C-alpha cells in the first residue's frame, strides 16, 4: 500500500537526486504499508536507521553539488537539511524512550517533506544545477 506515488512533478531534473528522492518515497511507503496492517512498530527502528543513513548520503551529495556550483541559497538549503536531521533524531529519541506510537507522526512528517521540500526547495536547486550544466 502506498501513501505517495512518485510522479514527474517530484522530479528535480537531476537523475542522481531524483533517484535518492525515490528511495525516500520507498522508505515512506514501506512504513505506511506496515503501519496500515498493524506492523509499523515492528519496523520502526530499522526505518529510523534507514532515514538517518539516507539523510547523511543524500544531503552530502546535494550540499556538495551546491558548493561546487556556487548555489546562492546554499546556507538556507543546508539549514533545512539540518532541520530534517534534527527531526529524525527527535523521532529516534522518542523511540529510544519507549514511544513506539510515533509512526503516524513520522509518516506525516515524511510525506510533508517530500511534497513541500522537494517540489519547492529542491526543484529550485535542480533548475539551478541544470542551468549550470551540472
N, C-alpha and C. Protein backbone atom coordinates (compact mmCIF):
# COMPACT_ATOMS: atom_id res chain seq x y z
N UNK A 1 0.84 -1.18 0.00
CA UNK A 1 0.00 0.00 0.00
C UNK A 1 0.89 1.25 0.00
N UNK A 2 0.54 2.21 -0.82
CA UNK A 2 1.33 3.43 -0.94
C UNK A 2 0.56 4.63 -0.40
N UNK A 3 1.28 5.51 0.26
CA UNK A 3 0.69 6.78 0.68
C UNK A 3 1.06 7.87 -0.33
N UNK A 4 2.13 7.62 -1.05
CA UNK A 4 2.57 8.57 -2.06
C UNK A 4 3.17 7.79 -3.22
N UNK A 5 2.87 8.24 -4.41
CA UNK A 5 3.39 7.61 -5.61
C UNK A 5 4.28 8.62 -6.30
N UNK A 6 5.45 8.14 -6.76
CA UNK A 6 6.37 9.03 -7.47
C UNK A 6 5.70 9.46 -8.78
N UNK A 7 5.66 10.77 -8.97
CA UNK A 7 5.16 11.34 -10.21
C UNK A 7 6.21 12.34 -10.72
N UNK A 8 6.14 12.64 -11.99
CA UNK A 8 7.13 13.53 -12.60
C UNK A 8 7.19 14.90 -11.93
N UNK A 9 6.12 15.31 -11.29
CA UNK A 9 6.10 16.59 -10.58
C UNK A 9 7.18 16.65 -9.51
N UNK A 10 7.56 15.50 -8.97
CA UNK A 10 8.58 15.46 -7.92
C UNK A 10 10.00 15.52 -8.47
N UNK A 11 10.14 15.32 -9.77
CA UNK A 11 11.47 15.30 -10.36
C UNK A 11 12.10 16.70 -10.33
N UNK A 12 13.37 16.73 -9.96
CA UNK A 12 14.11 17.99 -9.99
C UNK A 12 14.97 18.08 -11.25
N UNK A 13 14.96 17.03 -12.04
CA UNK A 13 15.69 17.04 -13.30
C UNK A 13 17.13 16.58 -13.22
N UNK A 14 17.58 16.24 -12.02
CA UNK A 14 18.94 15.73 -11.83
C UNK A 14 18.79 14.27 -11.39
N UNK A 15 19.20 13.36 -12.27
CA UNK A 15 18.92 11.94 -12.06
C UNK A 15 19.40 11.42 -10.70
N UNK A 16 20.60 11.78 -10.31
CA UNK A 16 21.14 11.28 -9.04
C UNK A 16 20.26 11.72 -7.87
N UNK A 17 19.84 12.97 -7.88
CA UNK A 17 18.98 13.48 -6.80
C UNK A 17 17.60 12.85 -6.87
N UNK A 18 17.05 12.74 -8.08
CA UNK A 18 15.73 12.10 -8.23
C UNK A 18 15.75 10.66 -7.72
N UNK A 19 16.80 9.93 -8.03
CA UNK A 19 16.88 8.54 -7.57
C UNK A 19 16.92 8.46 -6.04
N UNK A 20 17.59 9.40 -5.41
CA UNK A 20 17.61 9.42 -3.95
C UNK A 20 16.25 9.79 -3.39
N UNK A 21 15.56 10.71 -4.03
CA UNK A 21 14.21 11.06 -3.58
C UNK A 21 13.27 9.87 -3.74
N UNK A 22 13.45 9.10 -4.79
CA UNK A 22 12.63 7.90 -4.98
C UNK A 22 12.89 6.91 -3.84
N UNK A 23 14.13 6.86 -3.36
CA UNK A 23 14.44 5.99 -2.21
C UNK A 23 13.65 6.44 -0.98
N UNK A 24 13.54 7.75 -0.78
CA UNK A 24 12.77 8.25 0.36
C UNK A 24 11.29 7.89 0.21
N UNK A 25 10.77 7.98 -1.00
CA UNK A 25 9.38 7.57 -1.26
C UNK A 25 9.21 6.10 -0.90
N UNK A 26 10.18 5.28 -1.28
CA UNK A 26 10.12 3.84 -0.97
C UNK A 26 10.12 3.60 0.54
N UNK A 27 10.98 4.30 1.26
CA UNK A 27 11.03 4.15 2.72
C UNK A 27 9.69 4.55 3.34
N UNK A 28 9.16 5.69 2.91
CA UNK A 28 7.87 6.16 3.42
C UNK A 28 6.77 5.15 3.15
N UNK A 29 6.71 4.65 1.92
CA UNK A 29 5.66 3.70 1.56
C UNK A 29 5.79 2.39 2.32
N UNK A 30 7.03 1.98 2.57
CA UNK A 30 7.23 0.75 3.35
C UNK A 30 6.69 0.92 4.77
N UNK A 31 6.99 2.06 5.38
CA UNK A 31 6.49 2.32 6.73
C UNK A 31 4.97 2.41 6.73
N UNK A 32 4.41 3.11 5.78
CA UNK A 32 2.96 3.28 5.71
C UNK A 32 2.26 1.93 5.49
N UNK A 33 2.82 1.13 4.61
CA UNK A 33 2.24 -0.18 4.33
C UNK A 33 2.25 -1.06 5.58
N UNK A 34 3.38 -1.07 6.28
CA UNK A 34 3.47 -1.86 7.53
C UNK A 34 2.50 -1.32 8.57
N UNK A 35 2.43 -0.01 8.67
CA UNK A 35 1.55 0.62 9.64
C UNK A 35 0.08 0.29 9.35
N UNK A 36 -0.28 0.25 8.09
CA UNK A 36 -1.68 0.03 7.72
C UNK A 36 -2.16 -1.39 8.05
N UNK A 37 -1.21 -2.30 8.30
CA UNK A 37 -1.60 -3.66 8.72
C UNK A 37 -1.16 -3.94 10.16
N UNK A 38 -0.91 -2.87 10.91
CA UNK A 38 -0.59 -3.01 12.32
C UNK A 38 0.83 -3.45 12.61
N UNK A 39 1.75 -3.30 11.65
CA UNK A 39 3.13 -3.74 11.83
C UNK A 39 4.13 -2.60 11.83
N UNK A 40 3.65 -1.37 11.90
CA UNK A 40 4.54 -0.21 11.85
C UNK A 40 5.60 -0.23 12.93
N UNK A 41 5.21 -0.56 14.13
CA UNK A 41 6.16 -0.59 15.25
C UNK A 41 7.24 -1.64 15.05
N UNK A 42 6.88 -2.71 14.33
CA UNK A 42 7.84 -3.81 14.10
C UNK A 42 9.03 -3.37 13.26
N UNK A 43 8.84 -2.38 12.39
CA UNK A 43 9.93 -1.97 11.50
C UNK A 43 10.42 -0.56 11.80
N UNK A 44 9.87 0.07 12.82
CA UNK A 44 10.18 1.47 13.11
C UNK A 44 11.66 1.71 13.36
N UNK A 45 12.29 0.87 14.15
CA UNK A 45 13.71 1.06 14.44
C UNK A 45 14.56 1.01 13.16
N UNK A 46 14.28 0.03 12.33
CA UNK A 46 15.02 -0.11 11.07
C UNK A 46 14.77 1.10 10.15
N UNK A 47 13.53 1.54 10.08
CA UNK A 47 13.18 2.69 9.23
C UNK A 47 13.91 3.94 9.72
N UNK A 48 13.94 4.15 11.02
CA UNK A 48 14.65 5.32 11.56
C UNK A 48 16.14 5.26 11.20
N UNK A 49 16.72 4.07 11.25
CA UNK A 49 18.11 3.90 10.84
C UNK A 49 18.31 4.20 9.36
N UNK A 50 17.38 3.72 8.53
CA UNK A 50 17.46 3.99 7.10
C UNK A 50 17.33 5.48 6.81
N UNK A 51 16.47 6.15 7.54
CA UNK A 51 16.29 7.60 7.35
C UNK A 51 17.56 8.36 7.73
N UNK A 52 18.22 7.92 8.77
CA UNK A 52 19.48 8.55 9.17
C UNK A 52 20.53 8.36 8.08
N UNK A 53 20.65 7.13 7.59
CA UNK A 53 21.60 6.85 6.51
C UNK A 53 21.25 7.66 5.26
N UNK A 54 19.98 7.70 4.94
CA UNK A 54 19.52 8.45 3.77
C UNK A 54 19.93 9.92 3.88
N UNK A 55 19.65 10.51 5.03
CA UNK A 55 19.95 11.93 5.22
C UNK A 55 21.44 12.20 5.05
N UNK A 56 22.28 11.37 5.64
CA UNK A 56 23.73 11.57 5.54
C UNK A 56 24.16 11.52 4.07
N UNK A 57 23.76 10.50 3.37
CA UNK A 57 24.19 10.32 1.98
C UNK A 57 23.59 11.38 1.05
N UNK A 58 22.29 11.53 1.13
CA UNK A 58 21.59 12.43 0.22
C UNK A 58 21.99 13.89 0.43
N UNK A 59 22.01 14.32 1.67
CA UNK A 59 22.33 15.72 1.94
C UNK A 59 23.78 16.03 1.60
N UNK A 60 24.67 15.07 1.80
CA UNK A 60 26.07 15.27 1.43
C UNK A 60 26.17 15.54 -0.08
N UNK A 61 25.49 14.73 -0.86
CA UNK A 61 25.56 14.88 -2.32
C UNK A 61 24.94 16.21 -2.75
N UNK A 62 23.76 16.52 -2.24
CA UNK A 62 23.13 17.80 -2.60
C UNK A 62 24.01 18.98 -2.20
N UNK A 63 24.52 18.96 -0.98
CA UNK A 63 25.31 20.09 -0.49
C UNK A 63 26.63 20.22 -1.25
N UNK A 64 27.21 19.11 -1.64
CA UNK A 64 28.43 19.16 -2.43
C UNK A 64 28.14 19.80 -3.79
N UNK A 65 27.04 19.41 -4.42
CA UNK A 65 26.66 20.00 -5.70
C UNK A 65 26.41 21.50 -5.55
N UNK A 66 25.81 21.89 -4.43
CA UNK A 66 25.55 23.31 -4.19
C UNK A 66 26.86 24.09 -4.07
N UNK A 67 27.80 23.56 -3.29
CA UNK A 67 29.07 24.25 -3.08
C UNK A 67 29.88 24.34 -4.36
N UNK A 68 30.01 23.23 -5.06
CA UNK A 68 30.81 23.18 -6.29
C UNK A 68 30.28 24.16 -7.34
N UNK A 69 28.95 24.32 -7.37
CA UNK A 69 28.34 25.15 -8.40
C UNK A 69 27.98 26.56 -7.93
N UNK A 70 28.35 26.89 -6.68
CA UNK A 70 28.11 28.24 -6.18
C UNK A 70 26.64 28.58 -6.02
N UNK A 71 25.88 27.64 -5.48
CA UNK A 71 24.44 27.86 -5.31
C UNK A 71 24.20 28.99 -4.31
N UNK A 72 23.50 30.05 -4.71
CA UNK A 72 23.33 31.21 -3.82
C UNK A 72 22.46 30.94 -2.58
N UNK A 73 21.63 29.91 -2.62
CA UNK A 73 20.75 29.59 -1.49
C UNK A 73 21.33 28.47 -0.62
N UNK A 74 22.62 28.25 -0.74
CA UNK A 74 23.27 27.13 -0.04
C UNK A 74 22.99 27.14 1.46
N UNK A 75 23.23 28.26 2.13
CA UNK A 75 23.08 28.31 3.59
C UNK A 75 21.66 27.95 4.03
N UNK A 76 20.68 28.54 3.37
CA UNK A 76 19.29 28.29 3.74
C UNK A 76 18.91 26.83 3.47
N UNK A 77 19.35 26.32 2.34
CA UNK A 77 19.03 24.94 1.97
C UNK A 77 19.68 23.97 2.97
N UNK A 78 20.94 24.24 3.30
CA UNK A 78 21.65 23.39 4.27
C UNK A 78 20.96 23.42 5.63
N UNK A 79 20.44 24.58 6.02
CA UNK A 79 19.72 24.68 7.29
C UNK A 79 18.48 23.78 7.28
N UNK A 80 17.78 23.77 6.16
CA UNK A 80 16.60 22.90 6.05
C UNK A 80 16.99 21.43 6.18
N UNK A 81 18.13 21.08 5.62
CA UNK A 81 18.63 19.71 5.79
C UNK A 81 18.90 19.43 7.27
N UNK A 82 19.51 20.39 7.94
CA UNK A 82 19.77 20.24 9.37
C UNK A 82 18.49 20.07 10.17
N UNK A 83 17.45 20.80 9.78
CA UNK A 83 16.15 20.67 10.45
C UNK A 83 15.58 19.26 10.27
N UNK A 84 15.75 18.69 9.07
CA UNK A 84 15.29 17.33 8.81
C UNK A 84 16.03 16.35 9.71
N UNK A 85 17.35 16.47 9.75
CA UNK A 85 18.17 15.58 10.57
C UNK A 85 17.77 15.70 12.04
N UNK A 86 17.56 16.92 12.52
CA UNK A 86 17.14 17.13 13.91
C UNK A 86 15.80 16.46 14.19
N UNK A 87 14.89 16.55 13.24
CA UNK A 87 13.56 15.97 13.43
C UNK A 87 13.64 14.44 13.47
N UNK A 88 14.46 13.86 12.59
CA UNK A 88 14.63 12.41 12.60
C UNK A 88 15.28 11.98 13.92
N UNK A 89 16.24 12.75 14.39
CA UNK A 89 16.87 12.45 15.68
C UNK A 89 15.85 12.51 16.81
N UNK A 90 14.94 13.47 16.73
CA UNK A 90 13.88 13.57 17.72
C UNK A 90 13.00 12.31 17.70
N UNK A 91 12.66 11.84 16.52
CA UNK A 91 11.88 10.60 16.41
C UNK A 91 12.66 9.43 17.01
N UNK A 92 13.96 9.37 16.73
CA UNK A 92 14.78 8.29 17.28
C UNK A 92 14.83 8.36 18.81
N UNK A 93 14.95 9.56 19.34
CA UNK A 93 14.97 9.74 20.80
C UNK A 93 13.65 9.30 21.42
N UNK A 94 12.56 9.67 20.79
CA UNK A 94 11.25 9.24 21.30
C UNK A 94 11.13 7.72 21.29
N UNK A 95 11.60 7.11 20.22
CA UNK A 95 11.55 5.65 20.10
C UNK A 95 12.40 5.01 21.19
N UNK A 96 13.60 5.54 21.41
CA UNK A 96 14.51 5.01 22.42
C UNK A 96 13.90 5.10 23.82
N UNK A 97 13.11 6.14 24.05
CA UNK A 97 12.45 6.31 25.34
C UNK A 97 11.19 5.46 25.48
N UNK A 98 10.91 4.65 24.46
CA UNK A 98 9.78 3.73 24.57
C UNK A 98 8.53 4.17 23.84
N UNK A 99 8.57 5.31 23.17
CA UNK A 99 7.39 5.77 22.44
C UNK A 99 7.42 5.18 21.04
N UNK A 100 6.73 4.07 20.88
CA UNK A 100 6.68 3.43 19.56
C UNK A 100 5.40 3.81 18.82
N UNK A 101 4.68 4.78 19.35
CA UNK A 101 3.44 5.23 18.72
C UNK A 101 3.67 6.46 17.84
N UNK A 102 4.88 6.62 17.38
CA UNK A 102 5.22 7.80 16.59
C UNK A 102 5.11 7.55 15.09
N UNK A 103 4.68 6.36 14.69
CA UNK A 103 4.70 6.01 13.28
C UNK A 103 3.85 6.96 12.43
N UNK A 104 2.63 7.28 12.85
CA UNK A 104 1.77 8.16 12.04
C UNK A 104 2.38 9.56 11.96
N UNK A 105 2.96 10.01 13.05
CA UNK A 105 3.61 11.33 13.05
C UNK A 105 4.80 11.33 12.09
N UNK A 106 5.55 10.25 12.09
CA UNK A 106 6.69 10.13 11.19
C UNK A 106 6.23 10.06 9.73
N UNK A 107 5.20 9.30 9.46
CA UNK A 107 4.65 9.21 8.11
C UNK A 107 4.21 10.60 7.62
N UNK A 108 3.51 11.33 8.47
CA UNK A 108 3.04 12.66 8.08
C UNK A 108 4.21 13.62 7.84
N UNK A 109 5.23 13.54 8.68
CA UNK A 109 6.41 14.38 8.52
C UNK A 109 7.10 14.09 7.19
N UNK A 110 7.31 12.80 6.89
CA UNK A 110 7.99 12.43 5.66
C UNK A 110 7.17 12.82 4.42
N UNK A 111 5.89 12.62 4.49
CA UNK A 111 5.03 12.99 3.36
C UNK A 111 5.10 14.49 3.12
N UNK A 112 5.01 15.26 4.19
CA UNK A 112 5.09 16.71 4.07
C UNK A 112 6.44 17.13 3.49
N UNK A 113 7.52 16.51 3.96
CA UNK A 113 8.86 16.83 3.47
C UNK A 113 8.95 16.55 1.97
N UNK A 114 8.47 15.39 1.57
CA UNK A 114 8.53 15.03 0.16
C UNK A 114 7.75 16.02 -0.70
N UNK A 115 6.54 16.28 -0.32
CA UNK A 115 5.70 17.14 -1.14
C UNK A 115 6.18 18.58 -1.12
N UNK A 116 6.49 19.11 0.05
CA UNK A 116 6.82 20.53 0.14
C UNK A 116 8.28 20.84 -0.13
N UNK A 117 9.19 20.10 0.46
CA UNK A 117 10.61 20.40 0.27
C UNK A 117 11.06 20.10 -1.16
N UNK A 118 10.72 18.93 -1.64
CA UNK A 118 11.20 18.52 -2.95
C UNK A 118 10.61 19.38 -4.06
N UNK A 119 9.31 19.67 -3.98
CA UNK A 119 8.68 20.41 -5.08
C UNK A 119 8.97 21.90 -5.06
N UNK A 120 9.57 22.39 -3.99
CA UNK A 120 9.91 23.82 -3.95
C UNK A 120 11.42 24.00 -3.86
N UNK A 121 11.98 23.72 -2.71
CA UNK A 121 13.40 23.98 -2.44
C UNK A 121 14.31 23.14 -3.34
N UNK A 122 14.05 21.85 -3.43
CA UNK A 122 14.90 21.00 -4.27
C UNK A 122 14.67 21.27 -5.76
N UNK A 123 13.45 21.62 -6.12
CA UNK A 123 13.16 21.95 -7.51
C UNK A 123 13.96 23.19 -7.94
N UNK A 124 14.06 24.18 -7.06
CA UNK A 124 14.86 25.36 -7.36
C UNK A 124 16.33 24.98 -7.53
N UNK A 125 16.81 24.11 -6.67
CA UNK A 125 18.18 23.64 -6.78
C UNK A 125 18.38 22.91 -8.11
N UNK A 126 17.46 22.03 -8.45
CA UNK A 126 17.54 21.29 -9.70
C UNK A 126 17.60 22.22 -10.91
N UNK A 127 16.74 23.23 -10.91
CA UNK A 127 16.74 24.21 -12.01
C UNK A 127 18.09 24.91 -12.11
N UNK A 128 18.64 25.30 -10.95
CA UNK A 128 19.94 25.95 -10.92
C UNK A 128 21.04 25.04 -11.47
N UNK A 129 21.04 23.79 -11.01
CA UNK A 129 22.07 22.85 -11.45
C UNK A 129 21.96 22.57 -12.95
N UNK A 130 20.74 22.48 -13.45
CA UNK A 130 20.56 22.26 -14.88
C UNK A 130 21.06 23.45 -15.69
N UNK A 131 20.81 24.65 -15.19
CA UNK A 131 21.32 25.85 -15.87
C UNK A 131 22.84 25.85 -15.90
N UNK A 132 23.44 25.35 -14.83
CA UNK A 132 24.91 25.29 -14.75
C UNK A 132 25.48 24.12 -15.54
N UNK A 133 24.60 23.24 -16.01
CA UNK A 133 25.07 22.07 -16.75
C UNK A 133 25.62 20.99 -15.85
N UNK A 134 25.26 21.05 -14.59
CA UNK A 134 25.77 20.08 -13.61
C UNK A 134 24.97 18.79 -13.62
